[in-house]
Amino acid sequence: MCYEIPKAIVVDMSAATSSRTDTGTRTRTPASPPDITAPTTRRALDWRLRFAFLSLIWGFSFLLIKVGTEGYAPFQVTLGRLVFGTLVLATALAWKRERLPRGTRTWGHLTVTAFFLNALPFSLFAYAELTIPSTLAGICNATSPLWGMALSLVALSEDRPTRRRVAGLGIGFLGVLTVLGAWQGFQGLDATGTAMALLASVSYPIGWIYLRRTLAGSSHSNLSLAGAQLLLATTQLAVVTPLVTTLPNRFTVLPLLAIVALGALGTGVAMLVQYGLVAEVGPTTAQMVTYFIPVIATAAGVAILGESLTWSTPVGAAIVLAGAALTQSRTKSRMQSRPKSPS
């Protein structure tokens, strides 16, 4: 899924693993000396393979949600997803002998981010896919950078709008209207399901902004924070799910396997892979995975689930991605104005 990782923490703490100068040179801390024996071509191929893997598992997440909801209630799908994702991160924490963060303040802020970055959007997407196709859910997810830019202009004083980013915002939302078929009066569209998917996409940047304002620069490792965040989200769903759902009469195998894959791969492993990409190639390159997710989600929904596809869906999705790319861009003059690291 788009930006399930606390990106603001990754960006602000990336110096703990690797840093980049404006010329593209990467330096590492003494604790992690570069492997000078590894061929450059092998390293480049390695991160590209992991990038492709991350695109696939996040793109297929919407298909897995759809399959999971065929046998289980949406809250049960989300709870299962969080449980298996947390188990993966707990295993990684044990393997690296890292501890969960300490401090009441840190856990309090992580409780909020767990709600907006995991519990709420995961649940909304699961409910949305009861009535809308997985292809539409994947495209709605791609609008998250648009909402993020709009919200950051209000919440983050250091984020100044540029003509290019404002134009990207307008183009992106024009793409949303194209996907939804606004000229037809949104005919045949389930308003509730679509609204839930779009609200899930809004939830992500709310969580990122909160994270950036409260925990950026934390001394805790990314893995430790992510593990605590998923644990808290799991706890939140574990409290809510029994109150609004009942145990299924039988445990359907295929939907259950979809939930396991969604949690273990689409959440747990995906977060670990994304952190590795950010450390190796930087957050800007790593976040480009966002633009492949709706393409894969659409292809999977049409090819495997047999979902219908009209011309407006891929055309609108392309417009959305173009607008999102513009909102994330920086002008050349702005980049040059940044202080450069000493060579």
C-alpha atoms as a PDB file:
ATOM      1  CA  MET A   1       0.000   0.000   0.000  1.00  0.00           C
ATOM      2  CA  CYS A   2       0.955   3.561  -0.588  1.00  0.00           C
ATOM      3  CA  TYR A   3       3.197   4.937   2.163  1.00  0.00           C
ATOM      4  CA  GLU A   4       2.304   2.485   4.857  1.00  0.00           C
ATOM      5  CA  ILE A   5       5.731   3.185   6.279  1.00  0.00           C
ATOM      6  CA  PRO A   6       6.201   6.274   8.456  1.00  0.00           C
ATOM      7  CA  LYS A   7       8.030   8.093   5.684  1.00  0.00           C
ATOM      8  CA  ALA A   8       8.716  11.256   7.671  1.00  0.00           C
ATOM      9  CA  ILE A   9      10.654   9.268  10.245  1.00  0.00           C
ATOM     10  CA  VAL A  10      12.574   7.477   7.508  1.00  0.00           C
ATOM     11  CA  VAL A  11      13.587  10.736   5.869  1.00  0.00           C
ATOM     12  CA  ASP A  12      14.614  12.478   9.061  1.00  0.00           C
ATOM     13  CA  MET A  13      16.418   9.456  10.484  1.00  0.00           C
ATOM     14  CA  SER A  14      18.006   8.177   7.285  1.00  0.00           C
ATOM     15  CA  ALA A  15      21.317   9.660   8.365  1.00  0.00           C
ATOM     16  CA  ALA A  16      21.534   6.809  10.854  1.00  0.00           C
ATOM     17  CA  THR A  17      21.987   4.380   8.001  1.00  0.00           C
ATOM     18  CA  SER A  18      23.042   6.413   4.978  1.00  0.00           C
ATOM     19  CA  SER A  19      23.043   9.992   3.734  1.00  0.00           C
ATOM     20  CA  ARG A  20      23.144  11.618   0.328  1.00  0.00           C
ATOM     21  CA  THR A  21      24.681  14.826  -0.927  1.00  0.00           C
ATOM     22  CA  ASP A  22      23.221  16.855  -3.761  1.00  0.00           C
ATOM     23  CA  THR A  23      25.715  15.280  -6.125  1.00  0.00           C
ATOM     24  CA  GLY A  24      24.323  11.808  -5.372  1.00  0.00           C
ATOM     25  CA  THR A  25      27.289  10.573  -3.337  1.00  0.00           C
ATOM     26  CA  ARG A  26      26.313   8.294  -0.474  1.00  0.00           C
ATOM     27  CA  THR A  27      28.262   8.114   2.776  1.00  0.00           C
ATOM     28  CA  ARG A  28      27.776   5.632   5.582  1.00  0.00           C
ATOM     29  CA  THR A  29      28.369   5.777   9.303  1.00  0.00           C
ATOM     30  CA  PRO A  30      31.503   4.071  10.626  1.00  0.00           C
ATOM     31  CA  ALA A  31      29.298   1.352  12.097  1.00  0.00           C
ATOM     32  CA  SER A  32      28.268   0.277   8.589  1.00  0.00           C
ATOM     33  CA  PRO A  33      31.288   0.533   6.295  1.00  0.00           C
ATOM     34  CA  PRO A  34      30.569   0.170   2.590  1.00  0.00           C
ATOM     35  CA  ASP A  35      31.182  -3.205   1.046  1.00  0.00           C
ATOM     36  CA  ILE A  36      33.874  -2.267  -1.436  1.00  0.00           C
ATOM     37  CA  THR A  37      34.103  -5.831  -2.687  1.00  0.00           C
ATOM     38  CA  ALA A  38      30.542  -5.877  -4.010  1.00  0.00           C
ATOM     39  CA  PRO A  39      30.252  -5.098  -7.734  1.00  0.00           C
ATOM     40  CA  THR A  40      28.312  -1.915  -8.529  1.00  0.00           C
ATOM     41  CA  THR A  41      26.172  -3.633 -11.173  1.00  0.00           C
ATOM     42  CA  ARG A  42      25.142  -6.328  -8.725  1.00  0.00           C
ATOM     43  CA  ARG A  43      24.072  -3.757  -6.135  1.00  0.00           C
ATOM     44  CA  ALA A  44      22.037  -1.821  -8.730  1.00  0.00           C
ATOM     45  CA  LEU A  45      20.295  -5.006  -9.876  1.00  0.00           C
ATOM     46  CA  ASP A  46      19.604  -5.976  -6.291  1.00  0.00           C
ATOM     47  CA  TRP A  47      17.702  -2.817  -5.365  1.00  0.00           C
ATOM     48  CA  ARG A  48      15.774  -2.861  -8.630  1.00  0.00           C
ATOM     49  CA  LEU A  49      14.630  -6.407  -7.936  1.00  0.00           C
ATOM     50  CA  ARG A  50      13.501  -5.402  -4.462  1.00  0.00           C
ATOM     51  CA  PHE A  51      11.770  -2.340  -5.904  1.00  0.00           C
ATOM     52  CA  ALA A  52       9.872  -4.568  -8.346  1.00  0.00           C
ATOM     53  CA  PHE A  53       8.996  -6.996  -5.561  1.00  0.00           C
ATOM     54  CA  LEU A  54       7.642  -4.167  -3.399  1.00  0.00           C
ATOM     55  CA  SER A  55       5.562  -2.851  -6.310  1.00  0.00           C
ATOM     56  CA  LEU A  56       4.071  -6.298  -6.865  1.00  0.00           C
ATOM     57  CA  ILE A  57       3.137  -7.092  -3.284  1.00  0.00           C
ATOM     58  CA  TRP A  58       1.649  -3.651  -2.661  1.00  0.00           C
ATOM     59  CA  GLY A  59      -0.157  -3.738  -6.013  1.00  0.00           C
ATOM     60  CA  PHE A  60      -1.600  -7.184  -5.257  1.00  0.00           C
ATOM     61  CA  SER A  61      -2.716  -6.050  -1.785  1.00  0.00           C
ATOM     62  CA  PHE A  62      -6.019  -4.792  -3.182  1.00  0.00           C
ATOM     63  CA  LEU A  63      -6.719  -8.130  -4.826  1.00  0.00           C
ATOM     64  CA  LEU A  64      -5.901  -9.910  -1.552  1.00  0.00           C
ATOM     65  CA  ILE A  65      -8.268  -7.621   0.346  1.00  0.00           C
ATOM     66  CA  LYS A  66     -11.053  -8.436  -2.105  1.00  0.00           C
ATOM     67  CA  VAL A  67     -10.446 -12.183  -1.754  1.00  0.00           C
ATOM     68  CA  GLY A  68     -10.221 -11.917   2.028  1.00  0.00           C
ATOM     69  CA  THR A  69     -13.572 -10.128   2.325  1.00  0.00           C
ATOM     70  CA  GLU A  70     -15.245 -12.983   0.426  1.00  0.00           C
ATOM     71  CA  GLY A  71     -14.869 -15.171   3.507  1.00  0.00           C
ATOM     72  CA  TYR A  72     -14.453 -12.815   6.434  1.00  0.00           C
ATOM     73  CA  ALA A  73     -15.771  -9.494   7.714  1.00  0.00           C
ATOM     74  CA  PRO A  74     -13.702  -6.398   6.811  1.00  0.00           C
ATOM     75  CA  PHE A  75     -12.567  -5.825  10.405  1.00  0.00           C
ATOM     76  CA  GLN A  76     -11.491  -9.470  10.599  1.00  0.00           C
ATOM     77  CA  VAL A  77      -9.487  -9.067   7.390  1.00  0.00           C
ATOM     78  CA  THR A  78      -7.774  -5.993   8.812  1.00  0.00           C
ATOM     79  CA  LEU A  79      -7.101  -7.616  12.180  1.00  0.00           C
ATOM     80  CA  GLY A  80      -5.598 -10.682  10.503  1.00  0.00           C
ATOM     81  CA  ARG A  81      -3.493  -8.483   8.279  1.00  0.00           C
ATOM     82  CA  LEU A  82      -2.114  -6.561  11.244  1.00  0.00           C
ATOM     83  CA  VAL A  83      -1.461  -9.699  13.298  1.00  0.00           C
ATOM     84  CA  PHE A  84       0.640 -11.350  10.589  1.00  0.00           C
ATOM     85  CA  GLY A  85       2.387  -8.092   9.729  1.00  0.00           C
ATOM     86  CA  THR A  86       3.282  -7.545  13.386  1.00  0.00           C
ATOM     87  CA  LEU A  87       4.641 -11.089  13.652  1.00  0.00           C
ATOM     88  CA  VAL A  88       7.021 -10.404  10.768  1.00  0.00           C
ATOM     89  CA  LEU A  89       8.344  -7.222  12.370  1.00  0.00           C
ATOM     90  CA  ALA A  90       8.552  -8.903  15.788  1.00  0.00           C
ATOM     91  CA  THR A  91      10.691 -11.621  14.197  1.00  0.00           C
ATOM     92  CA  ALA A  92      12.926  -8.977  12.623  1.00  0.00           C
ATOM     93  CA  LEU A  93      13.273  -7.169  15.956  1.00  0.00           C
ATOM     94  CA  ALA A  94      14.236 -10.411  17.691  1.00  0.00           C
ATOM     95  CA  TRP A  95      16.698 -11.301  14.928  1.00  0.00           C
ATOM     96  CA  LYS A  96      18.432  -7.910  15.192  1.00  0.00           C
ATOM     97  CA  ARG A  97      18.087  -7.880  18.981  1.00  0.00           C
ATOM     98  CA  GLU A  98      16.353  -4.520  18.992  1.00  0.00           C
ATOM     99  CA  ARG A  99      13.857  -3.376  21.597  1.00  0.00           C
ATOM    100  CA  LEU A 100      10.587  -1.546  21.242  1.00  0.00           C
ATOM    101  CA  PRO A 101      10.796   2.196  21.976  1.00  0.00           C
ATOM    102  CA  ARG A 102      10.443   3.454  25.520  1.00  0.00           C
ATOM    103  CA  GLY A 103       8.695   6.479  26.920  1.00  0.00           C
ATOM    104  CA  THR A 104       5.030   7.317  27.448  1.00  0.00           C
ATOM    105  CA  ARG A 105       5.216  10.260  25.053  1.00  0.00           C
ATOM    106  CA  THR A 106       6.579   8.131  22.212  1.00  0.00           C
ATOM    107  CA  TRP A 107       3.937   5.452  22.694  1.00  0.00           C
ATOM    108  CA  GLY A 108       1.222   8.082  22.862  1.00  0.00           C
ATOM    109  CA  HIS A 109       2.241   9.583  19.517  1.00  0.00           C
ATOM    110  CA  LEU A 110       2.624   6.130  17.969  1.00  0.00           C
ATOM    111  CA  THR A 111      -0.928   5.290  19.063  1.00  0.00           C
ATOM    112  CA  VAL A 112      -2.198   8.168  16.936  1.00  0.00           C
ATOM    113  CA  THR A 113      -0.022   7.291  13.945  1.00  0.00           C
ATOM    114  CA  ALA A 114      -1.016   3.617  14.203  1.00  0.00           C
ATOM    115  CA  PHE A 115      -4.644   4.668  13.878  1.00  0.00           C
ATOM    116  CA  PHE A 116      -4.182   6.969  10.873  1.00  0.00           C
ATOM    117  CA  LEU A 117      -1.484   4.973   9.044  1.00  0.00           C
ATOM    118  CA  ASN A 118      -2.742   1.439   9.677  1.00  0.00           C
ATOM    119  CA  ALA A 119      -5.953   0.739  11.577  1.00  0.00           C
ATOM    120  CA  LEU A 120      -8.197   3.305   9.873  1.00  0.00           C
ATOM    121  CA  PRO A 121      -7.056   3.089   6.215  1.00  0.00           C
ATOM    122  CA  PHE A 122      -6.735  -0.712   6.241  1.00  0.00           C
ATOM    123  CA  SER A 123     -10.264  -1.018   7.615  1.00  0.00           C
ATOM    124  CA  LEU A 124     -11.707   1.534   5.200  1.00  0.00           C
ATOM    125  CA  PHE A 125     -10.182  -0.203   2.172  1.00  0.00           C
ATOM    126  CA  ALA A 126     -11.552  -3.542   3.372  1.00  0.00           C
ATOM    127  CA  TYR A 127     -15.060  -2.110   3.750  1.00  0.00           C
ATOM    128  CA  ALA A 128     -14.791  -0.224   0.461  1.00  0.00           C
ATOM    129  CA  GLU A 129     -13.993  -3.378  -1.492  1.00  0.00           C
ATOM    130  CA  LEU A 130     -17.260  -4.931  -0.428  1.00  0.00           C
ATOM    131  CA  THR A 131     -18.931  -2.701  -3.024  1.00  0.00           C
ATOM    132  CA  ILE A 132     -16.234  -1.385  -5.367  1.00  0.00           C
ATOM    133  CA  PRO A 133     -13.708  -3.289  -7.522  1.00  0.00           C
ATOM    134  CA  SER A 134     -10.128  -3.689  -6.362  1.00  0.00           C
ATOM    135  CA  THR A 135      -8.986  -1.729  -9.423  1.00  0.00           C
ATOM    136  CA  LEU A 136     -10.841   1.381  -8.249  1.00  0.00           C
ATOM    137  CA  ALA A 137      -9.509   0.949  -4.697  1.00  0.00           C
ATOM    138  CA  GLY A 138      -5.948   0.810  -6.032  1.00  0.00           C
ATOM    139  CA  ILE A 139      -6.440   3.987  -8.048  1.00  0.00           C
ATOM    140  CA  CYS A 140      -8.017   5.787  -5.080  1.00  0.00           C
ATOM    141  CA  ASN A 141      -4.916   4.840  -3.093  1.00  0.00           C
ATOM    142  CA  ALA A 142      -2.787   6.657  -5.682  1.00  0.00           C
ATOM    143  CA  THR A 143      -4.459   9.953  -4.755  1.00  0.00           C
ATOM    144  CA  SER A 144      -2.711   9.946  -1.380  1.00  0.00           C
ATOM    145  CA  PRO A 145       0.170  12.216  -2.517  1.00  0.00           C
ATOM    146  CA  LEU A 146      -2.409  14.736  -3.751  1.00  0.00           C
ATOM    147  CA  TRP A 147      -4.142  14.860  -0.384  1.00  0.00           C
ATOM    148  CA  GLY A 148      -0.748  14.988   1.291  1.00  0.00           C
ATOM    149  CA  MET A 149       0.316  18.047  -0.657  1.00  0.00           C
ATOM    150  CA  ALA A 150      -2.980  19.837   0.005  1.00  0.00           C
ATOM    151  CA  LEU A 151      -2.835  19.101   3.737  1.00  0.00           C
ATOM    152  CA  SER A 152       0.862  19.950   4.097  1.00  0.00           C
ATOM    153  CA  LEU A 153       0.237  23.437   2.745  1.00  0.00           C
ATOM    154  CA  VAL A 154      -2.049  23.998   5.720  1.00  0.00           C
ATOM    155  CA  ALA A 155      -0.286  22.015   8.451  1.00  0.00           C
ATOM    156  CA  LEU A 156       3.413  22.444   7.602  1.00  0.00           C
ATOM    157  CA  SER A 157       4.623  26.030   7.443  1.00  0.00           C
ATOM    158  CA  GLU A 158       7.883  25.001   5.729  1.00  0.00           C
ATOM    159  CA  ASP A 159       6.025  23.521   2.755  1.00  0.00           C
ATOM    160  CA  ARG A 160       5.574  26.377   0.314  1.00  0.00           C
ATOM    161  CA  PRO A 161       3.428  25.916  -2.801  1.00  0.00           C
ATOM    162  CA  THR A 162       4.990  26.321  -6.226  1.00  0.00           C
ATOM    163  CA  ARG A 163       3.225  26.720  -9.545  1.00  0.00           C
ATOM    164  CA  ARG A 164       4.301  23.241 -10.577  1.00  0.00           C
ATOM    165  CA  ARG A 165       2.963  21.590  -7.422  1.00  0.00           C
ATOM    166  CA  VAL A 166      -0.315  23.509  -7.506  1.00  0.00           C
ATOM    167  CA  ALA A 167      -0.723  22.539 -11.165  1.00  0.00           C
ATOM    168  CA  GLY A 168      -0.039  18.924 -10.207  1.00  0.00           C
ATOM    169  CA  LEU A 169      -2.737  19.112  -7.561  1.00  0.00           C
ATOM    170  CA  GLY A 170      -5.282  20.373 -10.077  1.00  0.00           C
ATOM    171  CA  ILE A 171      -4.278  17.799 -12.706  1.00  0.00           C
ATOM    172  CA  GLY A 172      -4.430  14.998 -10.155  1.00  0.00           C
ATOM    173  CA  PHE A 173      -7.947  15.773  -9.041  1.00  0.00           C
ATOM    174  CA  LEU A 174      -9.004  16.120 -12.675  1.00  0.00           C
ATOM    175  CA  GLY A 175      -7.776  12.538 -13.050  1.00  0.00           C
ATOM    176  CA  VAL A 176      -9.896  11.495 -10.064  1.00  0.00           C
ATOM    177  CA  LEU A 177     -12.985  12.957 -11.721  1.00  0.00           C
ATOM    178  CA  THR A 178     -12.079  11.100 -14.914  1.00  0.00           C
ATOM    179  CA  VAL A 179     -11.781   7.779 -13.096  1.00  0.00           C
ATOM    180  CA  LEU A 180     -15.114   8.317 -11.371  1.00  0.00           C
ATOM    181  CA  GLY A 181     -16.863   9.325 -14.617  1.00  0.00           C
ATOM    182  CA  ALA A 182     -17.980  12.767 -13.429  1.00  0.00           C
ATOM    183  CA  TRP A 183     -19.336  13.716 -16.878  1.00  0.00           C
ATOM    184  CA  GLN A 184     -21.804  10.829 -16.595  1.00  0.00           C
ATOM    185  CA  GLY A 185     -23.021  11.925 -13.179  1.00  0.00           C
ATOM    186  CA  PHE A 186     -20.990   9.137 -11.507  1.00  0.00           C
ATOM    187  CA  GLN A 187     -23.421   6.620 -12.977  1.00  0.00           C
ATOM    188  CA  GLY A 188     -23.015   3.045 -11.718  1.00  0.00           C
ATOM    189  CA  LEU A 189     -20.588   4.123  -9.002  1.00  0.00           C
ATOM    190  CA  ASP A 190     -21.068   3.045  -5.406  1.00  0.00           C
ATOM    191  CA  ALA A 191     -20.735   6.347  -3.574  1.00  0.00           C
ATOM    192  CA  THR A 192     -20.208   4.868  -0.109  1.00  0.00           C
ATOM    193  CA  GLY A 193     -17.475   2.447  -1.126  1.00  0.00           C
ATOM    194  CA  THR A 194     -15.675   5.055  -3.208  1.00  0.00           C
ATOM    195  CA  ALA A 195     -15.871   7.605  -0.403  1.00  0.00           C
ATOM    196  CA  MET A 196     -14.376   5.061   2.002  1.00  0.00           C
ATOM    197  CA  ALA A 197     -11.462   4.359  -0.366  1.00  0.00           C
ATOM    198  CA  LEU A 198     -10.765   8.066  -0.830  1.00  0.00           C
ATOM    199  CA  LEU A 199     -11.031   8.666   2.928  1.00  0.00           C
ATOM    200  CA  ALA A 200      -8.493   5.883   3.470  1.00  0.00           C
ATOM    201  CA  SER A 201      -6.150   7.695   1.074  1.00  0.00           C
ATOM    202  CA  VAL A 202      -6.610  10.929   3.051  1.00  0.00           C
ATOM    203  CA  SER A 203      -5.820   9.118   6.295  1.00  0.00           C
ATOM    204  CA  TYR A 204      -2.249   8.338   5.228  1.00  0.00           C
ATOM    205  CA  PRO A 205      -1.013  11.944   4.851  1.00  0.00           C
ATOM    206  CA  ILE A 206      -2.771  12.917   8.093  1.00  0.00           C
ATOM    207  CA  GLY A 207      -0.695  10.237   9.807  1.00  0.00           C
ATOM    208  CA  TRP A 208       2.507  11.320   8.053  1.00  0.00           C
ATOM    209  CA  ILE A 209       2.051  14.962   8.996  1.00  0.00           C
ATOM    210  CA  TYR A 210       1.348  14.062  12.615  1.00  0.00           C
ATOM    211  CA  LEU A 211       4.394  11.800  12.641  1.00  0.00           C
ATOM    212  CA  ARG A 212       6.586  14.499  11.175  1.00  0.00           C
ATOM    213  CA  ARG A 213       5.451  17.068  13.720  1.00  0.00           C
ATOM    214  CA  THR A 214       5.835  14.800  16.760  1.00  0.00           C
ATOM    215  CA  LEU A 215       8.432  12.066  16.259  1.00  0.00           C
ATOM    216  CA  ALA A 216      10.786  13.302  13.522  1.00  0.00           C
ATOM    217  CA  GLY A 217      14.353  13.038  14.766  1.00  0.00           C
ATOM    218  CA  SER A 218      13.546  10.380  17.337  1.00  0.00           C
ATOM    219  CA  SER A 219      16.524   8.407  18.616  1.00  0.00           C
ATOM    220  CA  HIS A 220      14.683   5.111  18.158  1.00  0.00           C
ATOM    221  CA  SER A 221      15.366   2.989  15.092  1.00  0.00           C
ATOM    222  CA  ASN A 222      12.922   2.834  12.191  1.00  0.00           C
ATOM    223  CA  LEU A 223      12.354  -0.877  12.805  1.00  0.00           C
ATOM    224  CA  SER A 224      11.599  -0.305  16.471  1.00  0.00           C
ATOM    225  CA  LEU A 225       9.090   2.472  15.720  1.00  0.00           C
ATOM    226  CA  ALA A 226       7.413   0.497  12.936  1.00  0.00           C
ATOM    227  CA  GLY A 227       7.111  -2.595  15.119  1.00  0.00           C
ATOM    228  CA  ALA A 228       5.519  -0.596  17.929  1.00  0.00           C
ATOM    229  CA  GLN A 229       3.203   1.136  15.469  1.00  0.00           C
ATOM    230  CA  LEU A 230       1.892  -2.147  14.046  1.00  0.00           C
ATOM    231  CA  LEU A 231       1.557  -3.621  17.529  1.00  0.00           C
ATOM    232  CA  LEU A 232      -0.591  -0.672  18.594  1.00  0.00           C
ATOM    233  CA  ALA A 233      -2.728  -0.885  15.443  1.00  0.00           C
ATOM    234  CA  THR A 234      -3.242  -4.599  16.089  1.00  0.00           C
ATOM    235  CA  THR A 235      -4.328  -3.832  19.644  1.00  0.00           C
ATOM    236  CA  GLN A 236      -6.808  -1.227  18.404  1.00  0.00           C
ATOM    237  CA  LEU A 237      -8.407  -3.693  15.971  1.00  0.00           C
ATOM    238  CA  ALA A 238      -8.343  -6.478  18.566  1.00  0.00           C
ATOM    239  CA  VAL A 239     -10.535  -4.305  20.793  1.00  0.00           C
ATOM    240  CA  VAL A 240     -12.954  -3.183  18.054  1.00  0.00           C
ATOM    241  CA  THR A 241     -13.369  -6.371  15.999  1.00  0.00           C
ATOM    242  CA  PRO A 242     -15.102  -8.573  18.631  1.00  0.00           C
ATOM    243  CA  LEU A 243     -17.553  -5.741  19.341  1.00  0.00           C
ATOM    244  CA  VAL A 244     -18.816  -5.423  15.754  1.00  0.00           C
ATOM    245  CA  THR A 245     -18.308  -8.887  14.262  1.00  0.00           C
ATOM    246  CA  THR A 246     -19.005 -12.512  15.135  1.00  0.00           C
ATOM    247  CA  LEU A 247     -16.836 -15.532  14.560  1.00  0.00           C
ATOM    248  CA  PRO A 248     -17.374 -17.041  11.096  1.00  0.00           C
ATOM    249  CA  ASN A 249     -19.273 -20.313  10.903  1.00  0.00           C
ATOM    250  CA  ARG A 250     -16.393 -21.875   9.003  1.00  0.00           C
ATOM    251  CA  PHE A 251     -12.870 -20.861   8.114  1.00  0.00           C
ATOM    252  CA  THR A 252     -12.620 -20.597   4.340  1.00  0.00           C
ATOM    253  CA  VAL A 253      -9.143 -21.564   3.188  1.00  0.00           C
ATOM    254  CA  LEU A 254      -8.554 -19.269   0.187  1.00  0.00           C
ATOM    255  CA  PRO A 255      -9.662 -16.035   1.909  1.00  0.00           C
ATOM    256  CA  LEU A 256      -7.620 -17.030   4.959  1.00  0.00           C
ATOM    257  CA  LEU A 257      -4.510 -17.549   2.832  1.00  0.00           C
ATOM    258  CA  ALA A 258      -5.144 -14.161   1.222  1.00  0.00           C
ATOM    259  CA  ILE A 259      -5.212 -12.533   4.665  1.00  0.00           C
ATOM    260  CA  VAL A 260      -1.984 -14.276   5.689  1.00  0.00           C
ATOM    261  CA  ALA A 261      -0.260 -13.107   2.493  1.00  0.00           C
ATOM    262  CA  LEU A 262      -1.700  -9.607   2.912  1.00  0.00           C
ATOM    263  CA  GLY A 263      -0.292  -9.325   6.416  1.00  0.00           C
ATOM    264  CA  ALA A 264       2.995 -11.193   6.165  1.00  0.00           C
ATOM    265  CA  LEU A 265       3.994  -9.961   2.689  1.00  0.00           C
ATOM    266  CA  GLY A 266       1.898  -6.877   1.969  1.00  0.00           C
ATOM    267  CA  THR A 267       2.490  -5.320   5.386  1.00  0.00           C
ATOM    268  CA  GLY A 268       5.358  -6.895   7.347  1.00  0.00           C
ATOM    269  CA  VAL A 269       7.849  -7.832   4.620  1.00  0.00           C
ATOM    270  CA  ALA A 270       6.884  -4.757   2.569  1.00  0.00           C
ATOM    271  CA  MET A 271       7.863  -2.436   5.414  1.00  0.00           C
ATOM    272  CA  LEU A 272      11.225  -4.150   5.807  1.00  0.00           C
ATOM    273  CA  VAL A 273      11.915  -3.996   2.065  1.00  0.00           C
ATOM    274  CA  GLN A 274      10.931  -0.328   1.901  1.00  0.00           C
ATOM    275  CA  TYR A 275      13.253   0.596   4.763  1.00  0.00           C
ATOM    276  CA  GLY A 276      16.097  -1.181   2.975  1.00  0.00           C
ATOM    277  CA  LEU A 277      15.381   0.722  -0.238  1.00  0.00           C
ATOM    278  CA  VAL A 278      15.298   4.068   1.552  1.00  0.00           C
ATOM    279  CA  ALA A 279      18.652   3.314   3.196  1.00  0.00           C
ATOM    280  CA  GLU A 280      20.258   2.271  -0.095  1.00  0.00           C
ATOM    281  CA  VAL A 281      18.827   4.553  -2.772  1.00  0.00           C
ATOM    282  CA  GLY A 282      17.213   7.327  -0.740  1.00  0.00           C
ATOM    283  CA  PRO A 283      13.567   8.209  -0.020  1.00  0.00           C
ATOM    284  CA  THR A 284      12.942   9.985  -3.325  1.00  0.00           C
ATOM    285  CA  THR A 285      13.703   6.931  -5.439  1.00  0.00           C
ATOM    286  CA  ALA A 286      12.067   4.535  -2.995  1.00  0.00           C
ATOM    287  CA  GLN A 287       8.780   6.434  -2.974  1.00  0.00           C
ATOM    288  CA  MET A 288       8.488   6.063  -6.763  1.00  0.00           C
ATOM    289  CA  VAL A 289       6.946   2.667  -6.023  1.00  0.00           C
ATOM    290  CA  THR A 290       3.721   4.625  -5.441  1.00  0.00           C
ATOM    291  CA  TYR A 291       3.264   5.126  -9.176  1.00  0.00           C
ATOM    292  CA  PHE A 292       3.434   1.408  -9.995  1.00  0.00           C
ATOM    293  CA  ILE A 293       0.872   0.277  -7.421  1.00  0.00           C
ATOM    294  CA  PRO A 294      -2.329   1.303  -9.278  1.00  0.00           C
ATOM    295  CA  VAL A 295      -1.007  -0.180 -12.522  1.00  0.00           C
ATOM    296  CA  ILE A 296      -0.411  -3.555 -10.890  1.00  0.00           C
ATOM    297  CA  ALA A 297      -3.655  -3.373  -8.903  1.00  0.00           C
ATOM    298  CA  THR A 298      -5.618  -2.725 -12.098  1.00  0.00           C
ATOM    299  CA  ALA A 299      -3.883  -5.485 -14.047  1.00  0.00           C
ATOM    300  CA  ALA A 300      -4.412  -7.991 -11.217  1.00  0.00           C
ATOM    301  CA  GLY A 301      -8.065  -7.080 -10.770  1.00  0.00           C
ATOM    302  CA  VAL A 302      -8.848  -7.417 -14.463  1.00  0.00           C
ATOM    303  CA  ALA A 303      -6.741 -10.501 -15.211  1.00  0.00           C
ATOM    304  CA  ILE A 304      -7.389 -12.552 -12.062  1.00  0.00           C
ATOM    305  CA  LEU A 305     -10.704 -11.327 -10.651  1.00  0.00           C
ATOM    306  CA  GLY A 306     -12.281 -10.556 -14.021  1.00  0.00           C
ATOM    307  CA  GLU A 307     -13.219  -7.006 -13.042  1.00  0.00           C
ATOM    308  CA  SER A 308     -14.513  -4.798 -15.837  1.00  0.00           C
ATOM    309  CA  LEU A 309     -12.453  -1.900 -17.125  1.00  0.00           C
ATOM    310  CA  THR A 310     -13.668   1.118 -19.087  1.00  0.00           C
ATOM    311  CA  TRP A 311     -11.422   3.543 -20.948  1.00  0.00           C
ATOM    312  CA  SER A 312     -11.836   6.214 -18.257  1.00  0.00           C
ATOM    313  CA  THR A 313     -10.177   4.076 -15.568  1.00  0.00           C
ATOM    314  CA  PRO A 314      -6.664   3.749 -17.060  1.00  0.00           C
ATOM    315  CA  VAL A 315      -6.798   7.234 -18.596  1.00  0.00           C
ATOM    316  CA  GLY A 316      -7.873   8.799 -15.313  1.00  0.00           C
ATOM    317  CA  ALA A 317      -5.282   6.791 -13.405  1.00  0.00           C
ATOM    318  CA  ALA A 318      -2.527   8.079 -15.706  1.00  0.00           C
ATOM    319  CA  ILE A 319      -3.687  11.655 -15.105  1.00  0.00           C
ATOM    320  CA  VAL A 320      -3.751  11.054 -11.339  1.00  0.00           C
ATOM    321  CA  LEU A 321      -0.199   9.711 -11.381  1.00  0.00           C
ATOM    322  CA  ALA A 322       1.033  12.600 -13.523  1.00  0.00           C
ATOM    323  CA  GLY A 323      -0.472  15.083 -11.100  1.00  0.00           C
ATOM    324  CA  ALA A 324       0.919  13.224  -8.093  1.00  0.00           C
ATOM    325  CA  ALA A 325       4.389  13.245  -9.649  1.00  0.00           C
ATOM    326  CA  LEU A 326       4.209  17.012 -10.094  1.00  0.00           C
ATOM    327  CA  THR A 327       3.144  17.571  -6.493  1.00  0.00           C
ATOM    328  CA  GLN A 328       6.224  15.672  -5.315  1.00  0.00           C
ATOM    329  CA  SER A 329       8.643  17.514  -7.615  1.00  0.00           C
ATOM    330  CA  ARG A 330      10.930  20.351  -6.642  1.00  0.00           C
ATOM    331  CA  THR A 331      12.040  23.161  -8.912  1.00  0.00           C
ATOM    332  CA  LYS A 332      15.685  23.328  -9.958  1.00  0.00           C
ATOM    333  CA  SER A 333      16.219  26.692  -8.331  1.00  0.00           C
ATOM    334  CA  ARG A 334      14.802  25.428  -5.053  1.00  0.00           C
ATOM    335  CA  MET A 335      17.088  22.411  -5.090  1.00  0.00           C
ATOM    336  CA  GLN A 336      20.104  24.611  -5.807  1.00  0.00           C
ATOM    337  CA  SER A 337      19.230  26.898  -2.906  1.00  0.00           C
ATOM    338  CA  ARG A 338      19.635  24.078  -0.417  1.00  0.00           C
ATOM    339  CA  PRO A 339      22.965  24.020   1.450  1.00  0.00           C
ATOM    340  CA  LYS A 340      25.304  21.381   0.094  1.00  0.00           C
ATOM    341  CA  SER A 341      27.217  18.931   2.225  1.00  0.00           C
ATOM    342  CA  PRO A 342      30.973  19.413   2.293  1.00  0.00           C
ATOM    343  CA  SER A 343      32.735  17.122  -0.147  1.00  0.00           C
END
